[in-house]
Amino acid sequence: LNVLIGDMSVVGPRPDIQGYYDVLQGEPRNILNLKPGLTSEASLKYFN
C-alpha cells in the first residue's frame, strides 16, 4: 500500500526510524534522495 501511494518503492533502502538515515552527514546523506523500498541488497544480506 505504501508503494502504491508513492511513499515507498519496490526497491530501495529499507525505511528506518528517526535517528539513523536522517542524521547522516556528507556523501551518505545521498541515500535520502531515494525512496525507501520493500527490498534491497542490504535487506537480502540481513534477512535474518
ModelCIF file with pLDDT and N, C-alpha, C, O atoms, coordinates in Angstrom:
data_MODEL
#
_entry.id   MODEL 
#
_entity.id                         1 
_entity.type                       polymer 
_entity.pdbx_number_of_molecules   1 
#
_entity_poly.entity_id                      1 
_entity_poly.type                           'polypeptide(L)' 
_entity_poly.nstd_linkage                   no 
_entity_poly.nstd_monomer                   no 
_entity_poly.pdbx_seq_one_letter_code       LNVLIGDMSVVGPRPDIQGYYDVLQGEPRNILNLKPGLTSEASLKYFN 
_entity_poly.pdbx_seq_one_letter_code_can   LNVLIGDMSVVGPRPDIQGYYDVLQGEPRNILNLKPGLTSEASLKYFN 
_entity_poly.pdbx_strand_id                 A 
#
loop_
_entity_poly_seq.entity_id 
_entity_poly_seq.num 
_entity_poly_seq.mon_id 
_entity_poly_seq.hetero 
1 1  LEU n 
1 2  ASN n 
1 3  VAL n 
1 4  LEU n 
1 5  ILE n 
1 6  GLY n 
1 7  ASP n 
1 8  MET n 
1 9  SER n 
1 10 VAL n 
1 11 VAL n 
1 12 GLY n 
1 13 PRO n 
1 14 ARG n 
1 15 PRO n 
1 16 ASP n 
1 17 ILE n 
1 18 GLN n 
1 19 GLY n 
1 20 TYR n 
1 21 TYR n 
1 22 ASP n 
1 23 VAL n 
1 24 LEU n 
1 25 GLN n 
1 26 GLY n 
1 27 GLU n 
1 28 PRO n 
1 29 ARG n 
1 30 ASN n 
1 31 ILE n 
1 32 LEU n 
1 33 ASN n 
1 34 LEU n 
1 35 LYS n 
1 36 PRO n 
1 37 GLY n 
1 38 LEU n 
1 39 THR n 
1 40 SER n 
1 41 GLU n 
1 42 ALA n 
1 43 SER n 
1 44 LEU n 
1 45 LYS n 
1 46 TYR n 
1 47 PHE n 
1 48 ASN n 
#
_struct_asym.id          A 
_struct_asym.entity_id   1 
#
loop_
_ma_qa_metric.id 
_ma_qa_metric.mode 
_ma_qa_metric.name 
_ma_qa_metric.software_group_id 
_ma_qa_metric.type 
1 global pLDDT . pLDDT 
2 local  pLDDT . pLDDT 
#
_ma_qa_metric_global.metric_id      1 
_ma_qa_metric_global.metric_value   96.50 
_ma_qa_metric_global.model_id       1 
_ma_qa_metric_global.ordinal_id     1 
#
loop_
_ma_qa_metric_local.label_asym_id 
_ma_qa_metric_local.label_comp_id 
_ma_qa_metric_local.label_seq_id 
_ma_qa_metric_local.metric_id 
_ma_qa_metric_local.metric_value 
_ma_qa_metric_local.model_id 
_ma_qa_metric_local.ordinal_id 
A LEU 1  2 98.00 1 1  
A ASN 2  2 98.00 1 2  
A VAL 3  2 98.00 1 3  
A LEU 4  2 98.00 1 4  
A ILE 5  2 98.00 1 5  
A GLY 6  2 97.00 1 6  
A ASP 7  2 98.00 1 7  
A MET 8  2 98.00 1 8  
A SER 9  2 98.00 1 9  
A VAL 10 2 98.00 1 10 
A VAL 11 2 98.00 1 11 
A GLY 12 2 98.00 1 12 
A PRO 13 2 97.00 1 13 
A ARG 14 2 97.00 1 14 
A PRO 15 2 96.00 1 15 
A ASP 16 2 95.00 1 16 
A ILE 17 2 95.00 1 17 
A GLN 18 2 96.00 1 18 
A GLY 19 2 95.00 1 19 
A TYR 20 2 96.00 1 20 
A TYR 21 2 95.00 1 21 
A ASP 22 2 96.00 1 22 
A VAL 23 2 96.00 1 23 
A LEU 24 2 96.00 1 24 
A GLN 25 2 96.00 1 25 
A GLY 26 2 97.00 1 26 
A GLU 27 2 97.00 1 27 
A PRO 28 2 97.00 1 28 
A ARG 29 2 97.00 1 29 
A ASN 30 2 97.00 1 30 
A ILE 31 2 97.00 1 31 
A LEU 32 2 97.00 1 32 
A ASN 33 2 97.00 1 33 
A LEU 34 2 97.00 1 34 
A LYS 35 2 97.00 1 35 
A PRO 36 2 98.00 1 36 
A GLY 37 2 98.00 1 37 
A LEU 38 2 97.00 1 38 
A THR 39 2 97.00 1 39 
A SER 40 2 97.00 1 40 
A GLU 41 2 96.00 1 41 
A ALA 42 2 96.00 1 42 
A SER 43 2 95.00 1 43 
A LEU 44 2 95.00 1 44 
A LYS 45 2 96.00 1 45 
A TYR 46 2 95.00 1 46 
A PHE 47 2 91.00 1 47 
A ASN 48 2 90.00 1 48 
#
loop_
_atom_site.group_PDB 
_atom_site.id 
_atom_site.type_symbol 
_atom_site.label_atom_id 
_atom_site.label_alt_id 
_atom_site.label_comp_id 
_atom_site.label_asym_id 
_atom_site.label_entity_id 
_atom_site.label_seq_id 
_atom_site.pdbx_PDB_ins_code 
_atom_site.Cartn_x 
_atom_site.Cartn_y 
_atom_site.Cartn_z 
_atom_site.occupancy 
_atom_site.B_iso_or_equiv 
_atom_site.pdbx_formal_charge 
_atom_site.auth_seq_id 
_atom_site.auth_comp_id 
_atom_site.auth_asym_id 
_atom_site.auth_atom_id 
_atom_site.pdbx_PDB_model_num 
ATOM 1   N N  . LEU A 1 1  ? 0.837  -1.206  0.000  1.00 98.00 ? 1  LEU A N  1 
ATOM 2   C CA . LEU A 1 1  ? 0.000  0.000   0.000  1.00 98.00 ? 1  LEU A CA 1 
ATOM 3   C C  . LEU A 1 1  ? 0.866  1.248   0.000  1.00 98.00 ? 1  LEU A C  1 
ATOM 4   O O  . LEU A 1 1  ? 0.573  2.210   -0.709 1.00 98.00 ? 1  LEU A O  1 
ATOM 5   N N  . ASN A 1 2  ? 1.949  1.236   0.805  1.00 98.00 ? 2  ASN A N  1 
ATOM 6   C CA . ASN A 1 2  ? 2.876  2.368   0.824  1.00 98.00 ? 2  ASN A CA 1 
ATOM 7   C C  . ASN A 1 2  ? 3.518  2.585   -0.542 1.00 98.00 ? 2  ASN A C  1 
ATOM 8   O O  . ASN A 1 2  ? 3.748  3.722   -0.953 1.00 98.00 ? 2  ASN A O  1 
ATOM 9   N N  . VAL A 1 3  ? 3.805  1.490   -1.242 1.00 98.00 ? 3  VAL A N  1 
ATOM 10  C CA . VAL A 1 3  ? 4.394  1.596   -2.575 1.00 98.00 ? 3  VAL A CA 1 
ATOM 11  C C  . VAL A 1 3  ? 3.360  2.168   -3.544 1.00 98.00 ? 3  VAL A C  1 
ATOM 12  O O  . VAL A 1 3  ? 3.671  3.060   -4.334 1.00 98.00 ? 3  VAL A O  1 
ATOM 13  N N  . LEU A 1 4  ? 2.148  1.661   -3.483 1.00 98.00 ? 4  LEU A N  1 
ATOM 14  C CA . LEU A 1 4  ? 1.102  2.109   -4.409 1.00 98.00 ? 4  LEU A CA 1 
ATOM 15  C C  . LEU A 1 4  ? 0.829  3.608   -4.267 1.00 98.00 ? 4  LEU A C  1 
ATOM 16  O O  . LEU A 1 4  ? 0.628  4.292   -5.271 1.00 98.00 ? 4  LEU A O  1 
ATOM 17  N N  . ILE A 1 5  ? 0.818  4.124   -3.042 1.00 98.00 ? 5  ILE A N  1 
ATOM 18  C CA . ILE A 1 5  ? 0.523  5.554   -2.863 1.00 98.00 ? 5  ILE A CA 1 
ATOM 19  C C  . ILE A 1 5  ? 1.751  6.442   -3.056 1.00 98.00 ? 5  ILE A C  1 
ATOM 20  O O  . ILE A 1 5  ? 1.631  7.667   -3.084 1.00 98.00 ? 5  ILE A O  1 
ATOM 21  N N  . GLY A 1 6  ? 2.937  5.830   -3.190 1.00 97.00 ? 6  GLY A N  1 
ATOM 22  C CA . GLY A 1 6  ? 4.126  6.599   -3.537 1.00 97.00 ? 6  GLY A CA 1 
ATOM 23  C C  . GLY A 1 6  ? 5.052  6.958   -2.392 1.00 97.00 ? 6  GLY A C  1 
ATOM 24  O O  . GLY A 1 6  ? 6.031  7.675   -2.600 1.00 97.00 ? 6  GLY A O  1 
ATOM 25  N N  . ASP A 1 7  ? 4.769  6.477   -1.177 1.00 98.00 ? 7  ASP A N  1 
ATOM 26  C CA . ASP A 1 7  ? 5.679  6.737   -0.058 1.00 98.00 ? 7  ASP A CA 1 
ATOM 27  C C  . ASP A 1 7  ? 6.928  5.874   -0.139 1.00 98.00 ? 7  ASP A C  1 
ATOM 28  O O  . ASP A 1 7  ? 7.987  6.245   0.366  1.00 98.00 ? 7  ASP A O  1 
ATOM 29  N N  . MET A 1 8  ? 6.792  4.725   -0.778 1.00 98.00 ? 8  MET A N  1 
ATOM 30  C CA . MET A 1 8  ? 7.897  3.773   -0.887 1.00 98.00 ? 8  MET A CA 1 
ATOM 31  C C  . MET A 1 8  ? 8.002  3.311   -2.330 1.00 98.00 ? 8  MET A C  1 
ATOM 32  O O  . MET A 1 8  ? 7.143  3.599   -3.164 1.00 98.00 ? 8  MET A O  1 
ATOM 33  N N  . SER A 1 9  ? 9.074  2.590   -2.598 1.00 98.00 ? 9  SER A N  1 
ATOM 34  C CA . SER A 1 9  ? 9.312  1.962   -3.888 1.00 98.00 ? 9  SER A CA 1 
ATOM 35  C C  . SER A 1 9  ? 9.460  0.460   -3.640 1.00 98.00 ? 9  SER A C  1 
ATOM 36  O O  . SER A 1 9  ? 9.651  0.038   -2.500 1.00 98.00 ? 9  SER A O  1 
ATOM 37  N N  . VAL A 1 10 ? 9.376  -0.333  -4.679 1.00 98.00 ? 10 VAL A N  1 
ATOM 38  C CA . VAL A 1 10 ? 9.588  -1.767  -4.502 1.00 98.00 ? 10 VAL A CA 1 
ATOM 39  C C  . VAL A 1 10 ? 11.039 -2.004  -4.074 1.00 98.00 ? 10 VAL A C  1 
ATOM 40  O O  . VAL A 1 10 ? 11.297 -2.799  -3.170 1.00 98.00 ? 10 VAL A O  1 
ATOM 41  N N  . VAL A 1 11 ? 11.985 -1.316  -4.721 1.00 98.00 ? 11 VAL A N  1 
ATOM 42  C CA . VAL A 1 11 ? 13.405 -1.480  -4.396 1.00 98.00 ? 11 VAL A CA 1 
ATOM 43  C C  . VAL A 1 11 ? 13.970 -0.145  -3.916 1.00 98.00 ? 11 VAL A C  1 
ATOM 44  O O  . VAL A 1 11 ? 13.783 0.894   -4.548 1.00 98.00 ? 11 VAL A O  1 
ATOM 45  N N  . GLY A 1 12 ? 14.655 -0.202  -2.797 1.00 98.00 ? 12 GLY A N  1 
ATOM 46  C CA . GLY A 1 12 ? 15.291 0.975   -2.221 1.00 98.00 ? 12 GLY A CA 1 
ATOM 47  C C  . GLY A 1 12 ? 15.704 0.651   -0.798 1.00 98.00 ? 12 GLY A C  1 
ATOM 48  O O  . GLY A 1 12 ? 15.369 -0.419  -0.290 1.00 98.00 ? 12 GLY A O  1 
ATOM 49  N N  . PRO A 1 13 ? 16.416 1.541   -0.150 1.00 97.00 ? 13 PRO A N  1 
ATOM 50  C CA . PRO A 1 13 ? 16.829 1.282   1.235  1.00 97.00 ? 13 PRO A CA 1 
ATOM 51  C C  . PRO A 1 13 ? 15.605 1.065   2.124  1.00 97.00 ? 13 PRO A C  1 
ATOM 52  O O  . PRO A 1 13 ? 14.615 1.785   1.997  1.00 97.00 ? 13 PRO A O  1 
ATOM 53  N N  . ARG A 1 14 ? 15.664 0.100   3.005  1.00 97.00 ? 14 ARG A N  1 
ATOM 54  C CA . ARG A 1 14 ? 14.543 -0.129  3.918  1.00 97.00 ? 14 ARG A CA 1 
ATOM 55  C C  . ARG A 1 14 ? 14.336 1.110   4.780  1.00 97.00 ? 14 ARG A C  1 
ATOM 56  O O  . ARG A 1 14 ? 15.304 1.697   5.262  1.00 97.00 ? 14 ARG A O  1 
ATOM 57  N N  . PRO A 1 15 ? 13.091 1.508   4.978  1.00 96.00 ? 15 PRO A N  1 
ATOM 58  C CA . PRO A 1 15 ? 12.835 2.706   5.789  1.00 96.00 ? 15 PRO A CA 1 
ATOM 59  C C  . PRO A 1 15 ? 13.151 2.452   7.260  1.00 96.00 ? 15 PRO A C  1 
ATOM 60  O O  . PRO A 1 15 ? 12.837 1.390   7.799  1.00 96.00 ? 15 PRO A O  1 
ATOM 61  N N  . ASP A 1 16 ? 13.759 3.413   7.886  1.00 95.00 ? 16 ASP A N  1 
ATOM 62  C CA . ASP A 1 16 ? 14.163 3.262   9.279  1.00 95.00 ? 16 ASP A CA 1 
ATOM 63  C C  . ASP A 1 16 ? 13.470 4.310   10.134 1.00 95.00 ? 16 ASP A C  1 
ATOM 64  O O  . ASP A 1 16 ? 12.889 5.269   9.625  1.00 95.00 ? 16 ASP A O  1 
ATOM 65  N N  . ILE A 1 17 ? 13.541 4.109   11.424 1.00 95.00 ? 17 ILE A N  1 
ATOM 66  C CA . ILE A 1 17 ? 13.002 5.087   12.361 1.00 95.00 ? 17 ILE A CA 1 
ATOM 67  C C  . ILE A 1 17 ? 13.936 6.296   12.399 1.00 95.00 ? 17 ILE A C  1 
ATOM 68  O O  . ILE A 1 17 ? 15.062 6.236   11.905 1.00 95.00 ? 17 ILE A O  1 
ATOM 69  N N  . GLN A 1 18 ? 13.467 7.371   12.978 1.00 96.00 ? 18 GLN A N  1 
ATOM 70  C CA . GLN A 1 18 ? 14.297 8.558   13.106 1.00 96.00 ? 18 GLN A CA 1 
ATOM 71  C C  . GLN A 1 18 ? 15.544 8.238   13.933 1.00 96.00 ? 18 GLN A C  1 
ATOM 72  O O  . GLN A 1 18 ? 15.526 7.399   14.834 1.00 96.00 ? 18 GLN A O  1 
ATOM 73  N N  . GLY A 1 19 ? 16.631 8.944   13.588 1.00 95.00 ? 19 GLY A N  1 
ATOM 74  C CA . GLY A 1 19 ? 17.875 8.773   14.320 1.00 95.00 ? 19 GLY A CA 1 
ATOM 75  C C  . GLY A 1 19 ? 18.902 7.944   13.576 1.00 95.00 ? 19 GLY A C  1 
ATOM 76  O O  . GLY A 1 19 ? 19.981 7.674   14.104 1.00 95.00 ? 19 GLY A O  1 
ATOM 77  N N  . TYR A 1 20 ? 18.581 7.535   12.353 1.00 96.00 ? 20 TYR A N  1 
ATOM 78  C CA . TYR A 1 20 ? 19.543 6.773   11.561 1.00 96.00 ? 20 TYR A CA 1 
ATOM 79  C C  . TYR A 1 20 ? 19.813 7.500   10.235 1.00 96.00 ? 20 TYR A C  1 
ATOM 80  O O  . TYR A 1 20 ? 20.714 8.336   10.169 1.00 96.00 ? 20 TYR A O  1 
ATOM 81  N N  . TYR A 1 21 ? 19.055 7.196   9.194  1.00 95.00 ? 21 TYR A N  1 
ATOM 82  C CA . TYR A 1 21 ? 19.326 7.817   7.902  1.00 95.00 ? 21 TYR A CA 1 
ATOM 83  C C  . TYR A 1 21 ? 19.174 9.331   7.941  1.00 95.00 ? 21 TYR A C  1 
ATOM 84  O O  . TYR A 1 21 ? 19.895 10.046  7.245  1.00 95.00 ? 21 TYR A O  1 
ATOM 85  N N  . ASP A 1 22 ? 18.252 9.817   8.742  1.00 96.00 ? 22 ASP A N  1 
ATOM 86  C CA . ASP A 1 22 ? 18.001 11.255  8.769  1.00 96.00 ? 22 ASP A CA 1 
ATOM 87  C C  . ASP A 1 22 ? 19.116 12.051  9.440  1.00 96.00 ? 22 ASP A C  1 
ATOM 88  O O  . ASP A 1 22 ? 19.143 13.276  9.318  1.00 96.00 ? 22 ASP A O  1 
ATOM 89  N N  . VAL A 1 23 ? 20.018 11.406  10.130 1.00 96.00 ? 23 VAL A N  1 
ATOM 90  C CA . VAL A 1 23 ? 21.125 12.125  10.768 1.00 96.00 ? 23 VAL A CA 1 
ATOM 91  C C  . VAL A 1 23 ? 22.463 11.907  10.054 1.00 96.00 ? 23 VAL A C  1 
ATOM 92  O O  . VAL A 1 23 ? 23.502 12.365  10.529 1.00 96.00 ? 23 VAL A O  1 
ATOM 93  N N  . LEU A 1 24 ? 22.437 11.214  8.926  1.00 96.00 ? 24 LEU A N  1 
ATOM 94  C CA . LEU A 1 24 ? 23.662 11.024  8.155  1.00 96.00 ? 24 LEU A CA 1 
ATOM 95  C C  . LEU A 1 24 ? 24.160 12.373  7.641  1.00 96.00 ? 24 LEU A C  1 
ATOM 96  O O  . LEU A 1 24 ? 23.374 13.284  7.382  1.00 96.00 ? 24 LEU A O  1 
ATOM 97  N N  . GLN A 1 25 ? 25.458 12.479  7.502  1.00 96.00 ? 25 GLN A N  1 
ATOM 98  C CA . GLN A 1 25 ? 26.089 13.708  7.014  1.00 96.00 ? 25 GLN A CA 1 
ATOM 99  C C  . GLN A 1 25 ? 26.936 13.379  5.790  1.00 96.00 ? 25 GLN A C  1 
ATOM 100 O O  . GLN A 1 25 ? 27.328 12.231  5.577  1.00 96.00 ? 25 GLN A O  1 
ATOM 101 N N  . GLY A 1 26 ? 27.210 14.399  4.997  1.00 97.00 ? 26 GLY A N  1 
ATOM 102 C CA . GLY A 1 26 ? 28.096 14.241  3.849  1.00 97.00 ? 26 GLY A CA 1 
ATOM 103 C C  . GLY A 1 26 ? 27.521 13.336  2.779  1.00 97.00 ? 26 GLY A C  1 
ATOM 104 O O  . GLY A 1 26 ? 26.310 13.294  2.561  1.00 97.00 ? 26 GLY A O  1 
ATOM 105 N N  . GLU A 1 27 ? 28.416 12.609  2.112  1.00 97.00 ? 27 GLU A N  1 
ATOM 106 C CA . GLU A 1 27 ? 28.022 11.756  0.992  1.00 97.00 ? 27 GLU A CA 1 
ATOM 107 C C  . GLU A 1 27 ? 26.948 10.723  1.357  1.00 97.00 ? 27 GLU A C  1 
ATOM 108 O O  . GLU A 1 27 ? 26.024 10.523  0.569  1.00 97.00 ? 27 GLU A O  1 
ATOM 109 N N  . PRO A 1 28 ? 27.031 10.058  2.519  1.00 97.00 ? 28 PRO A N  1 
ATOM 110 C CA . PRO A 1 28 ? 25.996 9.069   2.846  1.00 97.00 ? 28 PRO A CA 1 
ATOM 111 C C  . PRO A 1 28 ? 24.577 9.646   2.882  1.00 97.00 ? 28 PRO A C  1 
ATOM 112 O O  . PRO A 1 28 ? 23.605 8.906   2.730  1.00 97.00 ? 28 PRO A O  1 
ATOM 113 N N  . ARG A 1 29 ? 24.453 10.954  3.080  1.00 97.00 ? 29 ARG A N  1 
ATOM 114 C CA . ARG A 1 29 ? 23.130 11.577  3.111  1.00 97.00 ? 29 ARG A CA 1 
ATOM 115 C C  . ARG A 1 29 ? 22.417 11.473  1.758  1.00 97.00 ? 29 ARG A C  1 
ATOM 116 O O  . ARG A 1 29 ? 21.202 11.659  1.685  1.00 97.00 ? 29 ARG A O  1 
ATOM 117 N N  . ASN A 1 30 ? 23.167 11.177  0.684  1.00 97.00 ? 30 ASN A N  1 
ATOM 118 C CA . ASN A 1 30 ? 22.543 10.971  -0.631 1.00 97.00 ? 30 ASN A CA 1 
ATOM 119 C C  . ASN A 1 30 ? 21.501 9.856   -0.603 1.00 97.00 ? 30 ASN A C  1 
ATOM 120 O O  . ASN A 1 30 ? 20.596 9.831   -1.438 1.00 97.00 ? 30 ASN A O  1 
ATOM 121 N N  . ILE A 1 31 ? 21.622 8.946   0.339  1.00 97.00 ? 31 ILE A N  1 
ATOM 122 C CA . ILE A 1 31 ? 20.653 7.852   0.461  1.00 97.00 ? 31 ILE A CA 1 
ATOM 123 C C  . ILE A 1 31 ? 19.244 8.408   0.625  1.00 97.00 ? 31 ILE A C  1 
ATOM 124 O O  . ILE A 1 31 ? 18.279 7.799   0.163  1.00 97.00 ? 31 ILE A O  1 
ATOM 125 N N  . LEU A 1 32 ? 19.118 9.561   1.280  1.00 97.00 ? 32 LEU A N  1 
ATOM 126 C CA . LEU A 1 32 ? 17.797 10.159  1.488  1.00 97.00 ? 32 LEU A CA 1 
ATOM 127 C C  . LEU A 1 32 ? 17.175 10.680  0.194  1.00 97.00 ? 32 LEU A C  1 
ATOM 128 O O  . LEU A 1 32 ? 15.996 11.035  0.185  1.00 97.00 ? 32 LEU A O  1 
ATOM 129 N N  . ASN A 1 33 ? 17.940 10.732  -0.897 1.00 97.00 ? 33 ASN A N  1 
ATOM 130 C CA . ASN A 1 33 ? 17.368 11.105  -2.194 1.00 97.00 ? 33 ASN A CA 1 
ATOM 131 C C  . ASN A 1 33 ? 16.539 9.975   -2.791 1.00 97.00 ? 33 ASN A C  1 
ATOM 132 O O  . ASN A 1 33 ? 15.770 10.183  -3.729 1.00 97.00 ? 33 ASN A O  1 
ATOM 133 N N  . LEU A 1 34 ? 16.706 8.775   -2.237 1.00 97.00 ? 34 LEU A N  1 
ATOM 134 C CA . LEU A 1 34 ? 15.976 7.604   -2.722 1.00 97.00 ? 34 LEU A CA 1 
ATOM 135 C C  . LEU A 1 34 ? 14.698 7.402   -1.921 1.00 97.00 ? 34 LEU A C  1 
ATOM 136 O O  . LEU A 1 34 ? 14.630 7.728   -0.736 1.00 97.00 ? 34 LEU A O  1 
ATOM 137 N N  . LYS A 1 35 ? 13.684 6.854   -2.593 1.00 97.00 ? 35 LYS A N  1 
ATOM 138 C CA . LYS A 1 35 ? 12.505 6.417   -1.843 1.00 97.00 ? 35 LYS A CA 1 
ATOM 139 C C  . LYS A 1 35 ? 12.884 5.142   -1.109 1.00 97.00 ? 35 LYS A C  1 
ATOM 140 O O  . LYS A 1 35 ? 13.601 4.303   -1.654 1.00 97.00 ? 35 LYS A O  1 
ATOM 141 N N  . PRO A 1 36 ? 12.412 4.987   0.119  1.00 98.00 ? 36 PRO A N  1 
ATOM 142 C CA . PRO A 1 36 ? 12.660 3.724   0.810  1.00 98.00 ? 36 PRO A CA 1 
ATOM 143 C C  . PRO A 1 36 ? 11.943 2.597   0.071  1.00 98.00 ? 36 PRO A C  1 
ATOM 144 O O  . PRO A 1 36 ? 10.952 2.827   -0.623 1.00 98.00 ? 36 PRO A O  1 
ATOM 145 N N  . GLY A 1 37 ? 12.454 1.379   0.229  1.00 98.00 ? 37 GLY A N  1 
ATOM 146 C CA . GLY A 1 37 ? 11.899 0.257   -0.531 1.00 98.00 ? 37 GLY A CA 1 
ATOM 147 C C  . GLY A 1 37 ? 11.484 -0.918  0.321  1.00 98.00 ? 37 GLY A C  1 
ATOM 148 O O  . GLY A 1 37 ? 11.806 -1.019  1.504  1.00 98.00 ? 37 GLY A O  1 
ATOM 149 N N  . LEU A 1 38 ? 10.753 -1.803  -0.332 1.00 97.00 ? 38 LEU A N  1 
ATOM 150 C CA . LEU A 1 38 ? 10.368 -3.070  0.288  1.00 97.00 ? 38 LEU A CA 1 
ATOM 151 C C  . LEU A 1 38 ? 11.563 -3.996  0.412  1.00 97.00 ? 38 LEU A C  1 
ATOM 152 O O  . LEU A 1 38 ? 11.661 -4.780  1.357  1.00 97.00 ? 38 LEU A O  1 
ATOM 153 N N  . THR A 1 39 ? 12.469 -3.899  -0.547 1.00 97.00 ? 39 THR A N  1 
ATOM 154 C CA . THR A 1 39 ? 13.623 -4.790  -0.568 1.00 97.00 ? 39 THR A CA 1 
ATOM 155 C C  . THR A 1 39 ? 14.830 -4.049  -1.116 1.00 97.00 ? 39 THR A C  1 
ATOM 156 O O  . THR A 1 39 ? 14.710 -3.022  -1.784 1.00 97.00 ? 39 THR A O  1 
ATOM 157 N N  . SER A 1 40 ? 15.993 -4.602  -0.813 1.00 97.00 ? 40 SER A N  1 
ATOM 158 C CA . SER A 1 40 ? 17.256 -4.022  -1.276 1.00 97.00 ? 40 SER A CA 1 
ATOM 159 C C  . SER A 1 40 ? 18.329 -5.090  -1.130 1.00 97.00 ? 40 SER A C  1 
ATOM 160 O O  . SER A 1 40 ? 18.091 -6.156  -0.563 1.00 97.00 ? 40 SER A O  1 
ATOM 161 N N  . GLU A 1 41 ? 19.509 -4.788  -1.648 1.00 96.00 ? 41 GLU A N  1 
ATOM 162 C CA . GLU A 1 41 ? 20.640 -5.700  -1.440 1.00 96.00 ? 41 GLU A CA 1 
ATOM 163 C C  . GLU A 1 41 ? 20.908 -5.867  0.052  1.00 96.00 ? 41 GLU A C  1 
ATOM 164 O O  . GLU A 1 41 ? 21.210 -6.967  0.515  1.00 96.00 ? 41 GLU A O  1 
ATOM 165 N N  . ALA A 1 42 ? 20.797 -4.771  0.801  1.00 96.00 ? 42 ALA A N  1 
ATOM 166 C CA . ALA A 1 42 ? 21.051 -4.829  2.245  1.00 96.00 ? 42 ALA A CA 1 
ATOM 167 C C  . ALA A 1 42 ? 19.999 -5.676  2.962  1.00 96.00 ? 42 ALA A C  1 
ATOM 168 O O  . ALA A 1 42 ? 20.331 -6.424  3.882  1.00 96.00 ? 42 ALA A O  1 
ATOM 169 N N  . SER A 1 43 ? 18.744 -5.567  2.553  1.00 95.00 ? 43 SER A N  1 
ATOM 170 C CA . SER A 1 43 ? 17.716 -6.381  3.222  1.00 95.00 ? 43 SER A CA 1 
ATOM 171 C C  . SER A 1 43 ? 17.867 -7.858  2.865  1.00 95.00 ? 43 SER A C  1 
ATOM 172 O O  . SER A 1 43 ? 17.504 -8.730  3.655  1.00 95.00 ? 43 SER A O  1 
ATOM 173 N N  . LEU A 1 44 ? 18.396 -8.137  1.686  1.00 95.00 ? 44 LEU A N  1 
ATOM 174 C CA . LEU A 1 44 ? 18.683 -9.529  1.338  1.00 95.00 ? 44 LEU A CA 1 
ATOM 175 C C  . LEU A 1 44 ? 19.822 -10.066 2.199  1.00 95.00 ? 44 LEU A C  1 
ATOM 176 O O  . LEU A 1 44 ? 19.751 -11.182 2.714  1.00 95.00 ? 44 LEU A O  1 
ATOM 177 N N  . LYS A 1 45 ? 20.872 -9.260  2.349  1.00 96.00 ? 45 LYS A N  1 
ATOM 178 C CA . LYS A 1 45 ? 22.015 -9.685  3.158  1.00 96.00 ? 45 LYS A CA 1 
ATOM 179 C C  . LYS A 1 45 ? 21.611 -9.875  4.617  1.00 96.00 ? 45 LYS A C  1 
ATOM 180 O O  . LYS A 1 45 ? 22.056 -10.817 5.272  1.00 96.00 ? 45 LYS A O  1 
ATOM 181 N N  . TYR A 1 46 ? 20.770 -8.982  5.120  1.00 95.00 ? 46 TYR A N  1 
ATOM 182 C CA . TYR A 1 46 ? 20.376 -9.019  6.533  1.00 95.00 ? 46 TYR A CA 1 
ATOM 183 C C  . TYR A 1 46 ? 18.936 -9.507  6.716  1.00 95.00 ? 46 TYR A C  1 
ATOM 184 O O  . TYR A 1 46 ? 18.206 -9.001  7.568  1.00 95.00 ? 46 TYR A O  1 
ATOM 185 N N  . PHE A 1 47 ? 18.537 -10.492 5.910  1.00 91.00 ? 47 PHE A N  1 
ATOM 186 C CA . PHE A 1 47 ? 17.181 -11.028 6.015  1.00 91.00 ? 47 PHE A CA 1 
ATOM 187 C C  . PHE A 1 47 ? 16.910 -11.603 7.401  1.00 91.00 ? 47 PHE A C  1 
ATOM 188 O O  . PHE A 1 47 ? 15.758 -11.666 7.830  1.00 91.00 ? 47 PHE A O  1 
ATOM 189 N N  . ASN A 1 48 ? 17.951 -12.020 8.097  1.00 90.00 ? 48 ASN A N  1 
ATOM 190 C CA . ASN A 1 48 ? 17.806 -12.590 9.446  1.00 90.00 ? 48 ASN A CA 1 
ATOM 191 C C  . ASN A 1 48 ? 18.357 -11.640 10.502 1.00 90.00 ? 48 ASN A C  1 
ATOM 192 O O  . ASN A 1 48 ? 18.320 -11.952 11.692 1.00 90.00 ? 48 ASN A O  1 
#
